[in-house]
Amino acid sequence: MLRQGRMGGDRDDMMNQIEGIAKTKPESAFRIWFDVATNAWKRTPINVQLSKRMFAWGERKGTLLMVDLDAKSDASMQDAIKHWVLKKHLDASVPIEVDRDLVRSQAIAQYWAYRFNSETPPGTRKIRFL
């Protein structure tokens, strides 16, 4: 969470970073996510461009802007997302399992929010997992 974080500049600085991503060299990466239905990790190769510096940071993590160069506007909503925020630990010694546990628990919570909302009668207040 970056609620108590500091922004790396004003709004104009952030807009300059967004525009500056187009000037960075494309990189190969993997989109990794946890599939609750199969209880397994999935990964897809993607090409991305990253901002050169963090635009916000907190006590333990910083964030970079990222553009998915392979996003398709006619694909499913998950695949159509082109702009992402990449969270990075400021301490390089933090094991990857810390992030995987967090992603897994968020995927499960999101799944159950979806299931709950699909079962609730009309007019019932829906829940939303952020």
Foldseek 3Di string as FASTA:
>chain_A
DQPVKDFPDDPVVVVVQVVCQVVADKDKDKDWAQDPVVRDIDIDIFIKTWGPDFGMAHDFKTKIKMFTPQQDCPDPPVSNDGIDIDIDTPDPVDDPVVVVVVRVVLVVVQVVLVVVQVPDDPPDDGDHRD
